[in-house]
Amino acid sequence: MNFLVQLGNWNWFIVGGLLLALEVIVPGTFMLWLGLAAIATGVIGWIVSMSWQVQIVIFAILSVI
């Protein structure tokens, strides 16, 4: 759980890249949207400094949209 406390922008970019790579393997477009939401969360986190709780909420909201 310590990685959540230090949840940085690069972590979101890595998770987004892994989800986009997983999209190539798994058929469908479900992982694509999660990957794009993770990358968008990283970009938003780069612009605005926020806690990891807010980052998780933003990722959840962007994943649903």
PDB file of N, CA and C in Angstrom:
ATOM      1  N   MET A   1       0.818  -1.203   0.000  1.00  0.00           N
ATOM      2  CA  MET A   1       0.000   0.000   0.000  1.00  0.00           C
ATOM      3  C   MET A   1       0.855   1.257   0.000  1.00  0.00           C
ATOM      4  N   ASN A   2       2.150   1.126   0.189  1.00  0.00           N
ATOM      5  CA  ASN A   2       3.003   2.296   0.214  1.00  0.00           C
ATOM      6  C   ASN A   2       3.085   2.960  -1.155  1.00  0.00           C
ATOM      7  N   PHE A   3       2.910   2.180  -2.217  1.00  0.00           N
ATOM      8  CA  PHE A   3       2.974   2.765  -3.549  1.00  0.00           C
ATOM      9  C   PHE A   3       1.814   3.721  -3.798  1.00  0.00           C
ATOM     10  N   LEU A   4       0.699   3.549  -3.106  1.00  0.00           N
ATOM     11  CA  LEU A   4      -0.428   4.466  -3.265  1.00  0.00           C
ATOM     12  C   LEU A   4      -0.116   5.840  -2.699  1.00  0.00           C
ATOM     13  N   VAL A   5       0.668   5.876  -1.635  1.00  0.00           N
ATOM     14  CA  VAL A   5       1.017   7.160  -1.030  1.00  0.00           C
ATOM     15  C   VAL A   5       1.892   7.957  -1.984  1.00  0.00           C
ATOM     16  N   GLN A   6       2.720   7.282  -2.737  1.00  0.00           N
ATOM     17  CA  GLN A   6       3.623   7.940  -3.668  1.00  0.00           C
ATOM     18  C   GLN A   6       3.154   7.770  -5.109  1.00  0.00           C
ATOM     19  N   LEU A   7       1.857   7.811  -5.315  1.00  0.00           N
ATOM     20  CA  LEU A   7       1.291   7.614  -6.641  1.00  0.00           C
ATOM     21  C   LEU A   7       1.587   8.843  -7.491  1.00  0.00           C
ATOM     22  N   GLY A   8       2.575   8.737  -8.362  1.00  0.00           N
ATOM     23  CA  GLY A   8       3.004   9.869  -9.167  1.00  0.00           C
ATOM     24  C   GLY A   8       2.464   9.796 -10.581  1.00  0.00           C
ATOM     25  N   ASN A   9       2.824  10.808 -11.340  1.00  0.00           N
ATOM     26  CA  ASN A   9       2.350  10.894 -12.723  1.00  0.00           C
ATOM     27  C   ASN A   9       2.911   9.765 -13.576  1.00  0.00           C
ATOM     28  N   TRP A  10       4.176   9.415 -13.349  1.00  0.00           N
ATOM     29  CA  TRP A  10       4.778   8.358 -14.163  1.00  0.00           C
ATOM     30  C   TRP A  10       4.106   7.020 -13.921  1.00  0.00           C
ATOM     31  N   ASN A  11       3.621   6.809 -12.721  1.00  0.00           N
ATOM     32  CA  ASN A  11       2.894   5.563 -12.454  1.00  0.00           C
ATOM     33  C   ASN A  11       1.637   5.482 -13.303  1.00  0.00           C
ATOM     34  N   TRP A  12       0.939   6.595 -13.451  1.00  0.00           N
ATOM     35  CA  TRP A  12      -0.269   6.608 -14.283  1.00  0.00           C
ATOM     36  C   TRP A  12       0.081   6.373 -15.744  1.00  0.00           C
ATOM     37  N   PHE A  13       1.191   6.942 -16.211  1.00  0.00           N
ATOM     38  CA  PHE A  13       1.596   6.723 -17.597  1.00  0.00           C
ATOM     39  C   PHE A  13       1.980   5.263 -17.830  1.00  0.00           C
ATOM     40  N   ILE A  14       2.654   4.654 -16.867  1.00  0.00           N
ATOM     41  CA  ILE A  14       3.036   3.244 -16.995  1.00  0.00           C
ATOM     42  C   ILE A  14       1.807   2.348 -16.982  1.00  0.00           C
ATOM     43  N   VAL A  15       0.884   2.604 -16.053  1.00  0.00           N
ATOM     44  CA  VAL A  15      -0.352   1.811 -15.998  1.00  0.00           C
ATOM     45  C   VAL A  15      -1.151   1.984 -17.287  1.00  0.00           C
ATOM     46  N   GLY A  16      -1.226   3.217 -17.784  1.00  0.00           N
ATOM     47  CA  GLY A  16      -1.934   3.465 -19.041  1.00  0.00           C
ATOM     48  C   GLY A  16      -1.296   2.732 -20.206  1.00  0.00           C
ATOM     49  N   GLY A  17       0.034   2.749 -20.263  1.00  0.00           N
ATOM     50  CA  GLY A  17       0.732   2.029 -21.323  1.00  0.00           C
ATOM     51  C   GLY A  17       0.525   0.526 -21.236  1.00  0.00           C
ATOM     52  N   LEU A  18       0.547  -0.006 -20.016  1.00  0.00           N
ATOM     53  CA  LEU A  18       0.301  -1.442 -19.844  1.00  0.00           C
ATOM     54  C   LEU A  18      -1.122  -1.815 -20.243  1.00  0.00           C
ATOM     55  N   LEU A  19      -2.080  -0.973 -19.891  1.00  0.00           N
ATOM     56  CA  LEU A  19      -3.466  -1.259 -20.273  1.00  0.00           C
ATOM     57  C   LEU A  19      -3.657  -1.162 -21.788  1.00  0.00           C
ATOM     58  N   LEU A  20      -2.983  -0.208 -22.427  1.00  0.00           N
ATOM     59  CA  LEU A  20      -3.076  -0.113 -23.888  1.00  0.00           C
ATOM     60  C   LEU A  20      -2.396  -1.304 -24.556  1.00  0.00           C
ATOM     61  N   ALA A  21      -1.290  -1.766 -23.991  1.00  0.00           N
ATOM     62  CA  ALA A  21      -0.631  -2.958 -24.531  1.00  0.00           C
ATOM     63  C   ALA A  21      -1.498  -4.194 -24.322  1.00  0.00           C
ATOM     64  N   LEU A  22      -2.182  -4.258 -23.197  1.00  0.00           N
ATOM     65  CA  LEU A  22      -3.083  -5.376 -22.927  1.00  0.00           C
ATOM     66  C   LEU A  22      -4.263  -5.369 -23.893  1.00  0.00           C
ATOM     67  N   GLU A  23      -4.645  -4.196 -24.355  1.00  0.00           N
ATOM     68  CA  GLU A  23      -5.742  -4.075 -25.321  1.00  0.00           C
ATOM     69  C   GLU A  23      -5.394  -4.785 -26.627  1.00  0.00           C
ATOM     70  N   VAL A  24      -4.116  -4.803 -26.973  1.00  0.00           N
ATOM     71  CA  VAL A  24      -3.692  -5.480 -28.198  1.00  0.00           C
ATOM     72  C   VAL A  24      -3.894  -6.989 -28.064  1.00  0.00           C
ATOM     73  N   ILE A  25      -3.707  -7.505 -26.861  1.00  0.00           N
ATOM     74  CA  ILE A  25      -3.817  -8.945 -26.628  1.00  0.00           C
ATOM     75  C   ILE A  25      -5.266  -9.373 -26.427  1.00  0.00           C
ATOM     76  N   VAL A  26      -6.017  -8.594 -25.652  1.00  0.00           N
ATOM     77  CA  VAL A  26      -7.397  -8.937 -25.298  1.00  0.00           C
ATOM     78  C   VAL A  26      -8.341  -8.296 -26.312  1.00  0.00           C
ATOM     79  N   PRO A  27      -9.243  -9.059 -26.914  1.00  0.00           N
ATOM     80  CA  PRO A  27     -10.171  -8.454 -27.878  1.00  0.00           C
ATOM     81  C   PRO A  27     -11.185  -7.544 -27.187  1.00  0.00           C
ATOM     82  N   GLY A  28     -11.665  -6.579 -27.922  1.00  0.00           N
ATOM     83  CA  GLY A  28     -12.623  -5.620 -27.375  1.00  0.00           C
ATOM     84  C   GLY A  28     -11.940  -4.280 -27.155  1.00  0.00           C
ATOM     85  N   THR A  29     -12.697  -3.331 -26.680  1.00  0.00           N
ATOM     86  CA  THR A  29     -12.133  -1.996 -26.467  1.00  0.00           C
ATOM     87  C   THR A  29     -12.198  -1.566 -25.013  1.00  0.00           C
ATOM     88  N   PHE A  30     -12.399  -2.501 -24.094  1.00  0.00           N
ATOM     89  CA  PHE A  30     -12.547  -2.139 -22.680  1.00  0.00           C
ATOM     90  C   PHE A  30     -11.250  -1.583 -22.094  1.00  0.00           C
ATOM     91  N   MET A  31     -10.135  -2.243 -22.341  1.00  0.00           N
ATOM     92  CA  MET A  31      -8.851  -1.810 -21.779  1.00  0.00           C
ATOM     93  C   MET A  31      -8.369  -0.509 -22.407  1.00  0.00           C
ATOM     94  N   LEU A  32      -8.801  -0.235 -23.631  1.00  0.00           N
ATOM     95  CA  LEU A  32      -8.421   1.006 -24.304  1.00  0.00           C
ATOM     96  C   LEU A  32      -8.874   2.210 -23.499  1.00  0.00           C
ATOM     97  N   TRP A  33     -10.113   2.191 -23.056  1.00  0.00           N
ATOM     98  CA  TRP A  33     -10.660   3.342 -22.332  1.00  0.00           C
ATOM     99  C   TRP A  33     -10.045   3.473 -20.955  1.00  0.00           C
ATOM    100  N   LEU A  34      -9.763   2.351 -20.301  1.00  0.00           N
ATOM    101  CA  LEU A  34      -9.083   2.418 -19.006  1.00  0.00           C
ATOM    102  C   LEU A  34      -7.662   2.959 -19.163  1.00  0.00           C
ATOM    103  N   GLY A  35      -6.987   2.550 -20.227  1.00  0.00           N
ATOM    104  CA  GLY A  35      -5.642   3.055 -20.490  1.00  0.00           C
ATOM    105  C   GLY A  35      -5.632   4.541 -20.776  1.00  0.00           C
ATOM    106  N   LEU A  36      -6.593   4.991 -21.571  1.00  0.00           N
ATOM    107  CA  LEU A  36      -6.684   6.425 -21.857  1.00  0.00           C
ATOM    108  C   LEU A  36      -7.053   7.217 -20.613  1.00  0.00           C
ATOM    109  N   ALA A  37      -7.890   6.651 -19.752  1.00  0.00           N
ATOM    110  CA  ALA A  37      -8.242   7.321 -18.493  1.00  0.00           C
ATOM    111  C   ALA A  37      -7.020   7.426 -17.583  1.00  0.00           C
ATOM    112  N   ALA A  38      -6.189   6.390 -17.550  1.00  0.00           N
ATOM    113  CA  ALA A  38      -4.978   6.433 -16.726  1.00  0.00           C
ATOM    114  C   ALA A  38      -3.999   7.473 -17.251  1.00  0.00           C
ATOM    115  N   ILE A  39      -3.840   7.543 -18.567  1.00  0.00           N
ATOM    116  CA  ILE A  39      -2.944   8.541 -19.151  1.00  0.00           C
ATOM    117  C   ILE A  39      -3.486   9.946 -18.917  1.00  0.00           C
ATOM    118  N   ALA A  40      -4.788  10.131 -19.059  1.00  0.00           N
ATOM    119  CA  ALA A  40      -5.393  11.441 -18.800  1.00  0.00           C
ATOM    120  C   ALA A  40      -5.232  11.836 -17.334  1.00  0.00           C
ATOM    121  N   THR A  41      -5.329  10.878 -16.432  1.00  0.00           N
ATOM    122  CA  THR A  41      -5.114  11.163 -15.010  1.00  0.00           C
ATOM    123  C   THR A  41      -3.675  11.600 -14.768  1.00  0.00           C
ATOM    124  N   GLY A  42      -2.735  10.974 -15.446  1.00  0.00           N
ATOM    125  CA  GLY A  42      -1.334  11.388 -15.337  1.00  0.00           C
ATOM    126  C   GLY A  42      -1.108  12.794 -15.845  1.00  0.00           C
ATOM    127  N   VAL A  43      -1.756  13.141 -16.952  1.00  0.00           N
ATOM    128  CA  VAL A  43      -1.626  14.494 -17.504  1.00  0.00           C
ATOM    129  C   VAL A  43      -2.243  15.518 -16.556  1.00  0.00           C
ATOM    130  N   ILE A  44      -3.420  15.212 -16.026  1.00  0.00           N
ATOM    131  CA  ILE A  44      -4.067  16.125 -15.077  1.00  0.00           C
ATOM    132  C   ILE A  44      -3.216  16.257 -13.819  1.00  0.00           C
ATOM    133  N   GLY A  45      -2.633  15.163 -13.369  1.00  0.00           N
ATOM    134  CA  GLY A  45      -1.759  15.208 -12.204  1.00  0.00           C
ATOM    135  C   GLY A  45      -0.493  16.004 -12.449  1.00  0.00           C
ATOM    136  N   TRP A  46      -0.054  16.064 -13.691  1.00  0.00           N
ATOM    137  CA  TRP A  46       1.110  16.863 -14.043  1.00  0.00           C
ATOM    138  C   TRP A  46       0.787  18.353 -13.969  1.00  0.00           C
ATOM    139  N   ILE A  47      -0.431  18.700 -14.364  1.00  0.00           N
ATOM    140  CA  ILE A  47      -0.841  20.105 -14.380  1.00  0.00           C
ATOM    141  C   ILE A  47      -1.185  20.593 -12.977  1.00  0.00           C
ATOM    142  N   VAL A  48      -1.933  19.774 -12.229  1.00  0.00           N
ATOM    143  CA  VAL A  48      -2.417  20.146 -10.902  1.00  0.00           C
ATOM    144  C   VAL A  48      -1.875  19.148  -9.885  1.00  0.00           C
ATOM    145  N   SER A  49      -1.263  19.651  -8.837  1.00  0.00           N
ATOM    146  CA  SER A  49      -0.774  18.770  -7.775  1.00  0.00           C
ATOM    147  C   SER A  49      -1.948  18.341  -6.899  1.00  0.00           C
ATOM    148  N   MET A  50      -2.086  17.013  -6.699  1.00  0.00           N
ATOM    149  CA  MET A  50      -3.209  16.508  -5.914  1.00  0.00           C
ATOM    150  C   MET A  50      -2.806  15.235  -5.185  1.00  0.00           C
ATOM    151  N   SER A  51      -3.588  14.892  -4.176  1.00  0.00           N
ATOM    152  CA  SER A  51      -3.302  13.697  -3.383  1.00  0.00           C
ATOM    153  C   SER A  51      -3.683  12.442  -4.168  1.00  0.00           C
ATOM    154  N   TRP A  52      -3.237  11.291  -3.661  1.00  0.00           N
ATOM    155  CA  TRP A  52      -3.522  10.044  -4.368  1.00  0.00           C
ATOM    156  C   TRP A  52      -5.002   9.699  -4.318  1.00  0.00           C
ATOM    157  N   GLN A  53      -5.708  10.153  -3.276  1.00  0.00           N
ATOM    158  CA  GLN A  53      -7.142   9.881  -3.197  1.00  0.00           C
ATOM    159  C   GLN A  53      -7.882  10.592  -4.329  1.00  0.00           C
ATOM    160  N   VAL A  54      -7.494  11.832  -4.586  1.00  0.00           N
ATOM    161  CA  VAL A  54      -8.122  12.594  -5.665  1.00  0.00           C
ATOM    162  C   VAL A  54      -7.770  11.979  -7.013  1.00  0.00           C
ATOM    163  N   GLN A  55      -6.548  11.493  -7.158  1.00  0.00           N
ATOM    164  CA  GLN A  55      -6.146  10.854  -8.410  1.00  0.00           C
ATOM    165  C   GLN A  55      -6.974   9.603  -8.686  1.00  0.00           C
ATOM    166  N   ILE A  56      -7.234   8.814  -7.652  1.00  0.00           N
ATOM    167  CA  ILE A  56      -8.060   7.611  -7.815  1.00  0.00           C
ATOM    168  C   ILE A  56      -9.478   7.988  -8.217  1.00  0.00           C
ATOM    169  N   VAL A  57     -10.021   9.037  -7.604  1.00  0.00           N
ATOM    170  CA  VAL A  57     -11.377   9.482  -7.939  1.00  0.00           C
ATOM    171  C   VAL A  57     -11.431   9.980  -9.377  1.00  0.00           C
ATOM    172  N   ILE A  58     -10.435  10.745  -9.799  1.00  0.00           N
ATOM    173  CA  ILE A  58     -10.400  11.234 -11.182  1.00  0.00           C
ATOM    174  C   ILE A  58     -10.302  10.066 -12.157  1.00  0.00           C
ATOM    175  N   PHE A  59      -9.465   9.073 -11.844  1.00  0.00           N
ATOM    176  CA  PHE A  59      -9.358   7.899 -12.708  1.00  0.00           C
ATOM    177  C   PHE A  59     -10.688   7.166 -12.795  1.00  0.00           C
ATOM    178  N   ALA A  60     -11.366   7.019 -11.673  1.00  0.00           N
ATOM    179  CA  ALA A  60     -12.664   6.326 -11.667  1.00  0.00           C
ATOM    180  C   ALA A  60     -13.688   7.084 -12.497  1.00  0.00           C
ATOM    181  N   ILE A  61     -13.712   8.399 -12.360  1.00  0.00           N
ATOM    182  CA  ILE A  61     -14.666   9.207 -13.131  1.00  0.00           C
ATOM    183  C   ILE A  61     -14.350   9.129 -14.618  1.00  0.00           C
ATOM    184  N   LEU A  62     -13.072   9.255 -14.972  1.00  0.00           N
ATOM    185  CA  LEU A  62     -12.700   9.188 -16.385  1.00  0.00           C
ATOM    186  C   LEU A  62     -12.921   7.796 -16.968  1.00  0.00           C
ATOM    187  N   SER A  63     -12.820   6.777 -16.157  1.00  0.00           N
ATOM    188  CA  SER A  63     -13.062   5.414 -16.637  1.00  0.00           C
ATOM    189  C   SER A  63     -14.528   5.188 -16.972  1.00  0.00           C
ATOM    190  N   VAL A  64     -15.395   5.833 -16.221  1.00  0.00           N
ATOM    191  CA  VAL A  64     -16.834   5.668 -16.452  1.00  0.00           C
ATOM    192  C   VAL A  64     -17.287   6.474 -17.665  1.00  0.00           C
ATOM    193  N   ILE A  65     -16.674   7.616 -17.868  1.00  0.00           N
ATOM    194  CA  ILE A  65     -17.106   8.502 -18.970  1.00  0.00           C
ATOM    195  C   ILE A  65     -16.784   7.921 -20.300  1.00  0.00           C
TER     196      ILE A  65
END
